[in-house]
Amino acid sequence: MTQDFNEHTPLKVSLLQHPHSRSESQASTPTNNEKKPYQETGWRWFALLLMNLLLLGNNVCFDSPQPLETQILNDLQIDEQQYSLLYSVWAFPSVITPFIGGYLTDLLGVRKSLLIFGAAITIGQAIVAYGAYATSFYWMLAGRAIYSLGTDPIVIAETVMTSKWFKGKEVALAMGTATTTYGVGRAINSALTPMLYAKTKKLFTPMLFGLALCVLGLLLTFVVIYLDKENDKRLQQKRNTLGAVVEAPKSEKVRLSDVKHFKPISWLIILNFGLLNGYFQSFNAFTNDFYYTTYNFSNEEAGVIISINFIVAAITSAIFGKAIDSYGHRASTIMYTCLGGTLAFAYYLVVPECSRCLSAAIPQLIFGLYTGITDAASFPSLPLVLDEAYLGTGYGLFFVIQNILLLGLPPVAAFLMKITPDNDYHGYFWMLVFFFAWSIAVFFESLMLYLVDKKNGSVLQKVALEEEEQEGGSVIDSKSANVN
């Protein structure tokens, strides 16, 4: 029994032909009306560009409080611990939204899910912008909470869409471009947001800019949906032409019960991503004010320096995504680059303070290399050690662990700043020590990942097998190509 294509059922063409299909020579000859599926042409790169751009508003708005920390404290008359709630109130729902989002993606399909999550992001950011306009801290908190309902789920849905369009050696590169877009969005936020505030002296202006990008992303979603529908139609037509058997896809549903199938190495990959990004983003929430108070930069100058991190991460993730596709060495890459966080925090603690010195940008450069390379290695590692049926749960846990840390670490950091004397690294000393110790723990976790992988045959070190192509250009799924 065959089944029709829709957004729930990506194509998997078996090497076995249907008993009543045409001969190989007939099947490989396209009809006059047959059009190649977009994912088998250069159009897939245009679709990838749109998939990434629809996340731009999300990437900009997620960290929008960071470059405006000083202004938010002053304009809203709040303290550091209240400011940290702008991240905690986002992180609290985000502990469970990856599971809910994964379930909805499976239930409703990736196209409808992209629209729903994009709408949640846009509505949430609209409320944040209103809170900034009304100078209401509590409206901004409410907006951040609603915004969080779409933040991680839309990334999961976009990852599912990307994995549908790209196979084999192109997967890490395609996912690396998503990390690139993430870095570009964060760089725009860090550099441009303080400048927009400086023009009007109003929090509403940069928040409105973020809202405009969210609306743009929502509009681009409709274009992506059109391309995906047309792609599925062409895949269906190709299936009819080839007369091939279409295998029912495995479930992408995100379920907590799936964790019983996870091997230790799967958990180590998930923990590494969550622990690394959780502590890095928690520290990043305070970096603009850190550079403002410690190195005497203006908020706009601090934003430019912080954007170096995200620009470098955007570039390196794409470059190393391609390199990892070609050469492998994922586990060792993750292990060595995890030293980057330790080196960056050691620099802050050891190198004497200076006023407006360019050398203060060195840790941000290190952070960019650190996060860009590890993300490029982590995302494509999970499918190598985890069955396809459980990938939705695995990727969901990436963000769950990250968000648990974002729920708890910013208030801890704010507390450490509160108890640290102002003359001790301008109140940042114990917070820096805390994150330095955390970075060491992440390195030892990555070392454990490397050793477990080595014990299991160095699966993560190997080059990913390139998917075979059937005569006539149809893509064959590497997992369904093994016929008994």
Protein backbone atom coordinates (compact mmCIF):
# COMPACT_ATOMS: atom_id res chain seq x y z
CA MET A 1 0.00 0.00 0.00
CA THR A 2 1.38 3.38 -0.94
CA GLN A 3 0.51 6.74 0.54
CA ASP A 4 0.21 10.26 -0.80
CA PHE A 5 2.69 12.95 0.05
CA ASN A 6 1.92 15.75 2.43
CA GLU A 7 3.80 17.84 4.94
CA HIS A 8 3.71 14.98 7.47
CA THR A 9 5.31 12.41 5.16
CA PRO A 10 8.64 13.28 3.55
CA LEU A 11 9.65 11.11 0.60
CA LYS A 12 11.69 7.99 1.11
CA VAL A 13 12.14 6.06 -2.14
CA SER A 14 13.19 2.46 -1.65
CA LEU A 15 15.72 0.69 -3.83
CA LEU A 16 13.12 -2.01 -4.31
CA GLN A 17 10.73 -1.25 -7.14
CA HIS A 18 7.04 -1.92 -6.95
CA PRO A 19 6.22 -5.30 -8.56
CA HIS A 20 3.94 -3.62 -11.09
CA SER A 21 6.20 -0.66 -11.82
CA ARG A 22 7.66 0.07 -15.20
CA SER A 23 11.08 -1.19 -16.19
CA GLU A 24 14.16 0.68 -15.00
CA SER A 25 14.77 2.20 -18.41
CA GLN A 26 11.19 3.38 -18.62
CA ALA A 27 11.17 4.70 -15.06
CA SER A 28 14.33 6.70 -15.55
CA THR A 29 12.91 8.52 -18.56
CA PRO A 30 11.00 11.62 -17.45
CA THR A 31 7.74 12.52 -19.09
CA ASN A 32 7.24 15.87 -20.77
CA ASN A 33 5.06 17.08 -17.91
CA GLU A 34 7.40 15.92 -15.14
CA LYS A 35 9.27 18.57 -13.24
CA LYS A 36 12.18 17.81 -10.92
CA PRO A 37 11.44 18.31 -7.22
CA TYR A 38 12.86 21.55 -5.89
CA GLN A 39 14.99 19.68 -3.35
CA GLU A 40 16.89 18.03 -6.23
CA THR A 41 17.65 21.36 -7.91
CA GLY A 42 19.36 24.61 -7.02
CA TRP A 43 16.03 25.86 -5.69
CA ARG A 44 16.75 23.99 -2.46
CA TRP A 45 19.38 26.61 -1.60
CA PHE A 46 16.87 29.41 -2.15
CA ALA A 47 14.42 27.54 0.09
CA LEU A 48 17.17 27.15 2.71
CA LEU A 49 17.82 30.90 2.58
CA LEU A 50 14.14 31.62 3.22
CA MET A 51 13.99 29.02 6.02
CA ASN A 52 16.85 30.80 7.74
CA LEU A 53 15.55 34.32 7.13
CA LEU A 54 12.15 33.51 8.62
CA LEU A 55 14.03 32.94 11.91
CA LEU A 56 15.86 36.28 11.76
CA GLY A 57 13.30 38.16 13.87
CA ASN A 58 13.37 35.36 16.45
CA ASN A 59 17.17 35.47 16.57
CA VAL A 60 17.22 39.26 17.01
CA CYS A 61 14.46 39.48 19.62
CA PHE A 62 15.48 36.56 21.84
CA ASP A 63 18.39 38.48 23.36
CA SER A 64 16.99 42.00 22.90
CA PRO A 65 17.33 42.92 26.62
CA GLN A 66 21.10 42.24 26.56
CA PRO A 67 22.36 45.33 24.67
CA LEU A 68 19.84 47.51 26.50
CA GLU A 69 20.51 46.32 30.04
CA THR A 70 21.67 49.70 31.35
CA GLN A 71 18.81 51.53 29.61
CA ILE A 72 16.22 49.04 30.87
CA LEU A 73 17.50 49.38 34.45
CA ASN A 74 17.29 53.16 34.24
CA ASP A 75 14.09 53.63 32.22
CA LEU A 76 12.03 51.04 34.07
CA GLN A 77 13.61 51.73 37.47
CA ILE A 78 14.39 48.09 38.25
CA ASP A 79 17.40 46.26 39.71
CA GLU A 80 19.62 43.49 38.29
CA GLN A 81 17.56 40.66 39.76
CA GLN A 82 14.35 42.05 38.26
CA TYR A 83 16.16 42.47 34.95
CA SER A 84 17.17 38.80 35.03
CA LEU A 85 13.46 37.92 35.08
CA LEU A 86 13.25 39.02 31.44
CA TYR A 87 15.26 35.86 30.72
CA SER A 88 13.81 33.63 33.44
CA VAL A 89 10.19 34.31 32.43
CA TRP A 90 11.18 33.32 28.90
CA ALA A 91 13.04 30.21 30.08
CA PHE A 92 10.30 28.88 32.40
CA PRO A 93 7.78 27.96 29.64
CA SER A 94 10.68 26.99 27.36
CA VAL A 95 11.47 24.03 29.59
CA ILE A 96 8.41 22.26 28.18
CA THR A 97 7.68 24.09 24.89
CA PRO A 98 10.20 21.99 22.89
CA PHE A 99 8.14 18.88 23.74
CA ILE A 100 4.82 20.59 23.03
CA GLY A 101 6.22 22.13 19.87
CA GLY A 102 7.58 18.80 18.68
CA TYR A 103 4.21 17.15 19.33
CA LEU A 104 2.35 19.87 17.42
CA THR A 105 4.81 19.62 14.54
CA ASP A 106 4.03 15.91 14.33
CA LEU A 107 0.28 16.39 14.79
CA LEU A 108 -0.31 19.41 12.54
CA GLY A 109 2.63 19.14 10.17
CA VAL A 110 5.68 21.30 9.81
CA ARG A 111 3.99 23.97 7.64
CA LYS A 112 1.14 24.78 10.02
CA SER A 113 3.57 24.57 12.95
CA LEU A 114 5.87 27.17 11.39
CA LEU A 115 2.89 29.52 11.06
CA ILE A 116 1.62 28.95 14.62
CA PHE A 117 5.03 29.38 16.24
CA GLY A 118 5.85 32.39 14.05
CA ALA A 119 2.56 33.99 15.11
CA ALA A 120 3.34 33.36 18.81
CA ILE A 121 6.74 35.04 18.40
CA THR A 122 5.20 38.03 16.62
CA ILE A 123 2.39 38.49 19.15
CA GLY A 124 4.81 38.16 22.06
CA GLN A 125 7.22 40.71 20.61
CA ALA A 126 4.28 43.08 19.93
CA ILE A 127 3.40 42.95 23.65
CA VAL A 128 7.05 43.52 24.58
CA ALA A 129 7.07 46.57 22.29
CA TYR A 130 3.87 47.84 23.91
CA GLY A 131 5.42 47.37 27.35
CA ALA A 132 8.42 49.41 26.24
CA TYR A 133 6.09 52.10 24.86
CA ALA A 134 4.09 52.23 28.12
CA THR A 135 7.25 51.94 30.28
CA SER A 136 5.70 48.88 31.90
CA PHE A 137 8.06 46.19 33.15
CA TYR A 138 5.19 43.76 33.72
CA TRP A 139 3.84 44.09 30.17
CA MET A 140 7.34 43.36 28.91
CA LEU A 141 7.47 40.26 31.13
CA ALA A 142 4.11 39.10 29.78
CA GLY A 143 5.31 39.61 26.21
CA ARG A 144 8.51 37.67 26.84
CA ALA A 145 6.47 34.77 28.26
CA ILE A 146 4.20 34.61 25.18
CA TYR A 147 7.19 35.06 22.89
CA SER A 148 8.82 32.00 24.49
CA LEU A 149 5.95 29.78 23.29
CA GLY A 150 7.32 29.96 19.75
CA THR A 151 11.06 30.51 20.17
CA ASP A 152 12.40 26.96 20.42
CA PRO A 153 9.49 25.15 18.72
CA ILE A 154 9.98 27.18 15.53
CA VAL A 155 13.67 26.20 15.51
CA ILE A 156 12.72 22.53 15.88
CA ALA A 157 10.14 22.85 13.07
CA GLU A 158 12.71 24.59 10.86
CA THR A 159 15.22 21.82 11.61
CA VAL A 160 12.65 19.19 10.57
CA MET A 161 11.99 21.14 7.36
CA THR A 162 15.73 21.42 6.64
CA SER A 163 16.31 17.69 7.22
CA LYS A 164 13.49 16.99 4.78
CA TRP A 165 15.09 19.07 2.01
CA PHE A 166 18.73 18.08 2.55
CA LYS A 167 20.31 14.65 2.83
CA GLY A 168 23.70 13.00 3.25
CA LYS A 169 26.75 15.22 3.18
CA GLU A 170 24.69 18.40 2.80
CA VAL A 171 22.99 18.07 6.20
CA ALA A 172 25.73 19.59 8.39
CA LEU A 173 26.26 22.42 5.91
CA ALA A 174 22.53 23.19 5.78
CA MET A 175 22.22 23.12 9.57
CA GLY A 176 25.40 25.19 9.83
CA THR A 177 23.74 27.95 7.83
CA ALA A 178 20.97 28.03 10.45
CA THR A 179 23.63 28.66 13.07
CA THR A 180 25.04 31.35 10.78
CA THR A 181 21.66 33.09 10.62
CA TYR A 182 21.40 32.80 14.39
CA GLY A 183 24.76 34.54 14.73
CA VAL A 184 23.82 37.25 12.25
CA GLY A 185 20.60 37.95 14.16
CA ARG A 186 22.41 38.16 17.48
CA ALA A 187 25.07 40.42 15.93
CA ILE A 188 22.38 42.76 14.54
CA ASN A 189 20.77 42.87 17.97
CA SER A 190 24.02 43.57 19.84
CA ALA A 191 25.30 46.26 17.44
CA LEU A 192 22.16 47.95 16.11
CA THR A 193 19.77 47.90 19.06
CA PRO A 194 21.78 50.34 21.25
CA MET A 195 22.15 52.67 18.25
CA LEU A 196 18.38 52.71 17.69
CA TYR A 197 17.86 53.57 21.35
CA ALA A 198 20.48 56.32 21.17
CA LYS A 199 18.58 57.99 18.28
CA THR A 200 15.30 58.36 20.18
CA LYS A 201 16.14 57.64 23.82
CA LYS A 202 13.13 55.33 23.88
CA LEU A 203 13.02 51.56 24.51
CA PHE A 204 10.07 51.36 22.13
CA THR A 205 12.20 52.06 19.02
CA PRO A 206 14.48 48.97 19.13
CA MET A 207 11.59 46.77 20.26
CA LEU A 208 9.52 47.98 17.28
CA PHE A 209 12.43 47.15 14.98
CA GLY A 210 12.44 43.59 16.34
CA LEU A 211 8.68 43.37 15.80
CA ALA A 212 9.10 44.41 12.15
CA LEU A 213 11.59 41.57 11.61
CA CYS A 214 9.14 39.10 13.22
CA VAL A 215 6.39 40.24 10.84
CA LEU A 216 8.80 39.85 7.90
CA GLY A 217 9.59 36.31 9.07
CA LEU A 218 5.90 35.49 9.24
CA LEU A 219 5.44 36.67 5.64
CA LEU A 220 8.43 34.61 4.46
CA THR A 221 6.86 31.57 6.10
CA PHE A 222 4.05 31.69 3.54
CA VAL A 223 6.64 31.60 0.74
CA VAL A 224 8.39 28.60 2.32
CA ILE A 225 5.05 26.81 2.69
CA TYR A 226 4.30 27.37 -1.01
CA LEU A 227 7.70 26.00 -2.05
CA ASP A 228 7.33 22.99 0.24
CA LYS A 229 3.86 22.18 -1.11
CA GLU A 230 5.08 22.46 -4.70
CA ASN A 231 8.10 20.31 -3.85
CA ASP A 232 5.85 17.61 -2.42
CA LYS A 233 3.66 17.68 -5.53
CA ARG A 234 6.71 17.13 -7.71
CA LEU A 235 7.95 14.35 -5.44
CA GLN A 236 4.53 12.72 -5.74
CA GLN A 237 4.68 13.03 -9.52
CA LYS A 238 8.14 11.50 -9.53
CA ARG A 239 6.96 8.63 -7.38
CA ASN A 240 4.12 7.96 -9.80
CA THR A 241 6.56 8.05 -12.72
CA LEU A 242 9.05 5.68 -11.07
CA GLY A 243 6.37 3.46 -9.60
CA ALA A 244 8.58 3.14 -6.51
CA VAL A 245 7.50 2.03 -3.09
CA VAL A 246 7.17 4.87 -0.61
CA GLU A 247 8.08 3.86 2.89
CA ALA A 248 6.09 5.24 5.77
CA PRO A 249 8.27 7.69 7.68
CA LYS A 250 9.16 7.12 11.27
CA SER A 251 7.49 9.30 13.83
CA GLU A 252 9.05 12.64 14.67
CA LYS A 253 6.86 13.05 17.75
CA VAL A 254 8.64 14.41 20.81
CA ARG A 255 7.92 12.12 23.77
CA LEU A 256 9.55 11.86 27.16
CA SER A 257 9.16 8.08 27.01
CA ASP A 258 11.68 8.01 24.15
CA VAL A 259 14.57 8.71 26.55
CA LYS A 260 14.66 5.05 27.60
CA HIS A 261 16.08 4.32 24.14
CA PHE A 262 18.92 6.85 24.48
CA LYS A 263 22.44 5.49 24.82
CA PRO A 264 25.00 7.23 27.08
CA ILE A 265 26.72 8.87 24.10
CA SER A 266 23.40 10.41 23.01
CA TRP A 267 22.97 11.92 26.46
CA LEU A 268 26.52 13.27 26.41
CA ILE A 269 25.92 15.09 23.11
CA ILE A 270 22.64 16.54 24.40
CA LEU A 271 24.19 17.57 27.72
CA ASN A 272 27.15 19.20 26.01
CA PHE A 273 24.95 21.39 23.84
CA GLY A 274 22.60 22.30 26.69
CA LEU A 275 25.30 22.98 29.29
CA LEU A 276 27.44 24.99 26.87
CA ASN A 277 24.72 27.19 25.41
CA GLY A 278 22.91 27.52 28.72
CA TYR A 279 25.84 29.04 30.58
CA PHE A 280 27.10 31.07 27.63
CA GLN A 281 23.72 32.72 27.00
CA SER A 282 23.26 33.33 30.73
CA PHE A 283 26.56 35.21 30.85
CA ASN A 284 25.78 37.01 27.61
CA ALA A 285 22.66 38.54 29.20
CA PHE A 286 24.97 40.78 31.27
CA THR A 287 27.79 41.46 28.79
CA ASN A 288 26.71 44.90 27.54
CA ASP A 289 26.64 46.37 31.03
CA PHE A 290 29.84 44.44 31.84
CA TYR A 291 31.73 46.21 29.04
CA TYR A 292 30.06 49.49 29.92
CA THR A 293 31.10 49.43 33.58
CA THR A 294 34.39 47.49 33.39
CA TYR A 295 36.00 48.85 30.22
CA ASN A 296 34.28 52.26 30.01
CA PHE A 297 32.76 51.66 26.58
CA SER A 298 29.47 53.32 25.69
CA ASN A 299 26.51 50.98 25.31
CA GLU A 300 26.71 51.38 21.53
CA GLU A 301 30.44 50.57 21.49
CA ALA A 302 29.88 47.61 23.82
CA GLY A 303 27.21 46.33 21.44
CA VAL A 304 29.63 46.45 18.51
CA ILE A 305 32.27 44.52 20.49
CA ILE A 306 29.76 41.88 21.57
CA SER A 307 28.57 41.49 17.97
CA ILE A 308 32.08 40.22 17.09
CA ASN A 309 31.23 37.03 18.93
CA PHE A 310 28.12 36.39 16.84
CA ILE A 311 29.69 37.40 13.52
CA VAL A 312 32.61 35.01 14.10
CA ALA A 313 30.20 32.25 15.18
CA ALA A 314 28.13 32.80 12.02
CA ILE A 315 31.18 32.47 9.77
CA THR A 316 32.86 29.56 11.54
CA SER A 317 29.67 27.48 11.85
CA ALA A 318 29.21 27.52 8.07
CA ILE A 319 32.88 26.82 7.34
CA PHE A 320 33.23 24.05 9.91
CA GLY A 321 29.85 22.61 8.98
CA LYS A 322 31.25 21.93 5.51
CA ALA A 323 34.61 20.74 6.91
CA ILE A 324 32.93 18.33 9.35
CA ASP A 325 30.82 16.95 6.49
CA SER A 326 34.03 16.20 4.61
CA TYR A 327 36.45 15.12 7.37
CA GLY A 328 34.44 14.07 10.43
CA HIS A 329 36.27 14.36 13.81
CA ARG A 330 33.16 15.65 15.60
CA ALA A 331 33.97 14.41 19.12
CA SER A 332 37.53 15.75 19.13
CA THR A 333 36.36 19.05 17.62
CA ILE A 334 33.80 19.49 20.40
CA MET A 335 36.36 18.59 23.07
CA TYR A 336 39.11 20.95 21.92
CA THR A 337 36.84 23.91 21.25
CA CYS A 338 35.21 23.56 24.68
CA LEU A 339 38.48 24.91 26.04
CA GLY A 340 37.53 28.20 24.41
CA GLY A 341 35.08 29.17 27.14
CA THR A 342 37.68 28.50 29.81
CA LEU A 343 40.28 30.61 27.98
CA ALA A 344 37.85 33.50 27.52
CA PHE A 345 36.85 33.69 31.18
CA ALA A 346 40.49 33.25 32.24
CA TYR A 347 41.32 36.28 30.10
CA TYR A 348 38.68 38.38 31.89
CA LEU A 349 40.02 37.31 35.29
CA VAL A 350 43.77 37.48 34.63
CA VAL A 351 44.35 40.36 32.19
CA PRO A 352 44.31 43.73 33.99
CA GLU A 353 41.38 46.07 33.36
CA CYS A 354 41.86 48.81 30.83
CA SER A 355 39.81 51.74 29.62
CA ARG A 356 38.33 51.44 26.12
CA CYS A 357 41.09 49.07 24.96
CA LEU A 358 40.50 46.99 21.84
CA SER A 359 42.09 43.94 23.49
CA ALA A 360 38.89 43.63 25.51
CA ALA A 361 37.33 42.18 22.35
CA ILE A 362 39.61 39.11 22.43
CA PRO A 363 37.30 37.03 24.69
CA GLN A 364 34.38 37.78 22.39
CA LEU A 365 36.43 36.55 19.44
CA ILE A 366 37.20 33.35 21.36
CA PHE A 367 33.53 32.92 22.29
CA GLY A 368 32.58 33.22 18.62
CA LEU A 369 35.00 30.47 17.57
CA TYR A 370 33.91 28.38 20.54
CA THR A 371 30.15 28.46 19.98
CA GLY A 372 30.25 28.46 16.17
CA ILE A 373 32.44 25.35 15.90
CA THR A 374 30.75 23.35 18.66
CA ASP A 375 27.27 24.02 17.26
CA ALA A 376 28.44 22.96 13.79
CA ALA A 377 29.71 19.68 15.30
CA SER A 378 26.87 18.99 17.77
CA PHE A 379 23.75 19.16 15.59
CA PRO A 380 24.88 16.64 12.93
CA SER A 381 26.36 14.33 15.61
CA LEU A 382 23.06 13.30 17.15
CA PRO A 383 21.64 11.46 14.08
CA LEU A 384 24.78 9.31 14.01
CA VAL A 385 24.12 7.81 17.45
CA LEU A 386 20.34 8.11 17.85
CA ASP A 387 17.64 6.32 15.88
CA GLU A 388 15.70 8.54 13.50
CA ALA A 389 12.44 7.86 15.36
CA TYR A 390 13.78 9.61 18.46
CA LEU A 391 15.52 12.61 16.87
CA GLY A 392 12.59 14.91 17.63
CA THR A 393 12.95 14.13 21.33
CA GLY A 394 16.75 14.41 21.15
CA TYR A 395 16.75 17.85 19.56
CA GLY A 396 13.99 18.93 21.92
CA LEU A 397 16.20 18.00 24.88
CA PHE A 398 18.98 20.17 23.43
CA PHE A 399 16.81 23.18 24.21
CA VAL A 400 15.17 21.85 27.36
CA ILE A 401 18.50 21.57 29.16
CA GLN A 402 19.63 24.93 27.80
CA ASN A 403 16.42 26.58 28.99
CA ILE A 404 16.55 25.01 32.45
CA LEU A 405 19.92 26.70 32.85
CA LEU A 406 18.58 29.98 31.46
CA LEU A 407 15.84 29.75 34.07
CA GLY A 408 18.29 29.39 36.96
CA LEU A 409 21.68 30.85 36.02
CA PRO A 410 20.77 34.52 35.33
CA PRO A 411 19.25 34.98 38.83
CA VAL A 412 22.34 33.27 40.32
CA ALA A 413 24.61 35.60 38.33
CA ALA A 414 22.57 38.62 39.45
CA PHE A 415 22.84 37.49 43.08
CA LEU A 416 26.63 37.07 42.79
CA MET A 417 26.86 40.59 41.38
CA LYS A 418 24.78 41.90 44.26
CA ILE A 419 27.08 40.44 46.94
CA THR A 420 30.31 41.44 45.16
CA PRO A 421 31.79 44.83 46.15
CA ASP A 422 31.77 47.43 43.37
CA ASN A 423 35.54 47.82 43.59
CA ASP A 424 36.03 44.12 42.80
CA TYR A 425 35.85 43.98 38.98
CA HIS A 426 33.03 46.52 39.27
CA GLY A 427 30.85 43.91 40.97
CA TYR A 428 31.47 41.20 38.38
CA PHE A 429 34.30 39.18 40.00
CA TRP A 430 32.36 36.30 41.55
CA MET A 431 30.10 36.02 38.54
CA LEU A 432 33.18 35.62 36.32
CA VAL A 433 34.62 32.99 38.69
CA PHE A 434 31.30 31.13 38.63
CA PHE A 435 31.16 30.96 34.83
CA PHE A 436 34.87 30.12 34.64
CA ALA A 437 34.25 27.08 36.87
CA TRP A 438 31.22 26.16 34.78
CA SER A 439 33.29 26.26 31.57
CA ILE A 440 35.80 23.81 33.11
CA ALA A 441 32.95 21.44 33.93
CA VAL A 442 31.73 21.62 30.32
CA PHE A 443 35.22 20.77 29.06
CA PHE A 444 35.39 17.63 31.23
CA GLU A 445 31.94 16.64 30.00
CA SER A 446 33.20 16.97 26.40
CA LEU A 447 36.27 14.88 27.32
CA MET A 448 33.93 12.17 28.59
CA LEU A 449 32.02 12.37 25.28
CA TYR A 450 35.26 11.86 23.34
CA LEU A 451 36.29 8.85 25.47
CA VAL A 452 32.87 7.17 25.29
CA ASP A 453 32.80 7.68 21.52
CA LYS A 454 36.28 6.18 21.23
CA LYS A 455 35.17 3.17 23.25
CA ASN A 456 32.17 2.74 20.93
CA GLY A 457 34.24 2.68 17.75
CA SER A 458 34.71 6.44 17.17
CA VAL A 459 31.41 6.81 15.34
CA LEU A 460 31.48 10.59 15.70
CA GLN A 461 34.98 10.78 14.27
CA LYS A 462 34.01 9.19 10.96
CA VAL A 463 32.90 10.94 7.78
CA ALA A 464 29.14 10.74 7.23
CA LEU A 465 28.18 8.33 4.47
CA GLU A 466 27.03 10.11 1.38
CA GLU A 467 23.59 9.01 0.30
CA GLU A 468 23.38 7.01 -2.87
CA GLU A 469 21.49 8.35 -5.85
CA GLN A 470 19.21 6.25 -7.94
CA GLU A 471 19.59 6.46 -11.70
CA GLY A 472 17.42 9.32 -12.84
CA GLY A 473 18.50 11.57 -9.98
CA SER A 474 16.12 10.53 -7.19
CA VAL A 475 17.54 10.73 -3.71
CA ILE A 476 17.61 7.51 -1.70
CA ASP A 477 17.47 7.68 2.07
CA SER A 478 20.65 6.12 3.44
CA LYS A 479 18.82 4.29 6.22
CA SER A 480 16.20 2.79 3.92
CA ALA A 481 18.76 1.72 1.32
CA ASN A 482 19.88 -1.32 3.31
CA VAL A 483 17.76 -4.12 1.91
CA ASN A 484 17.89 -7.57 3.49
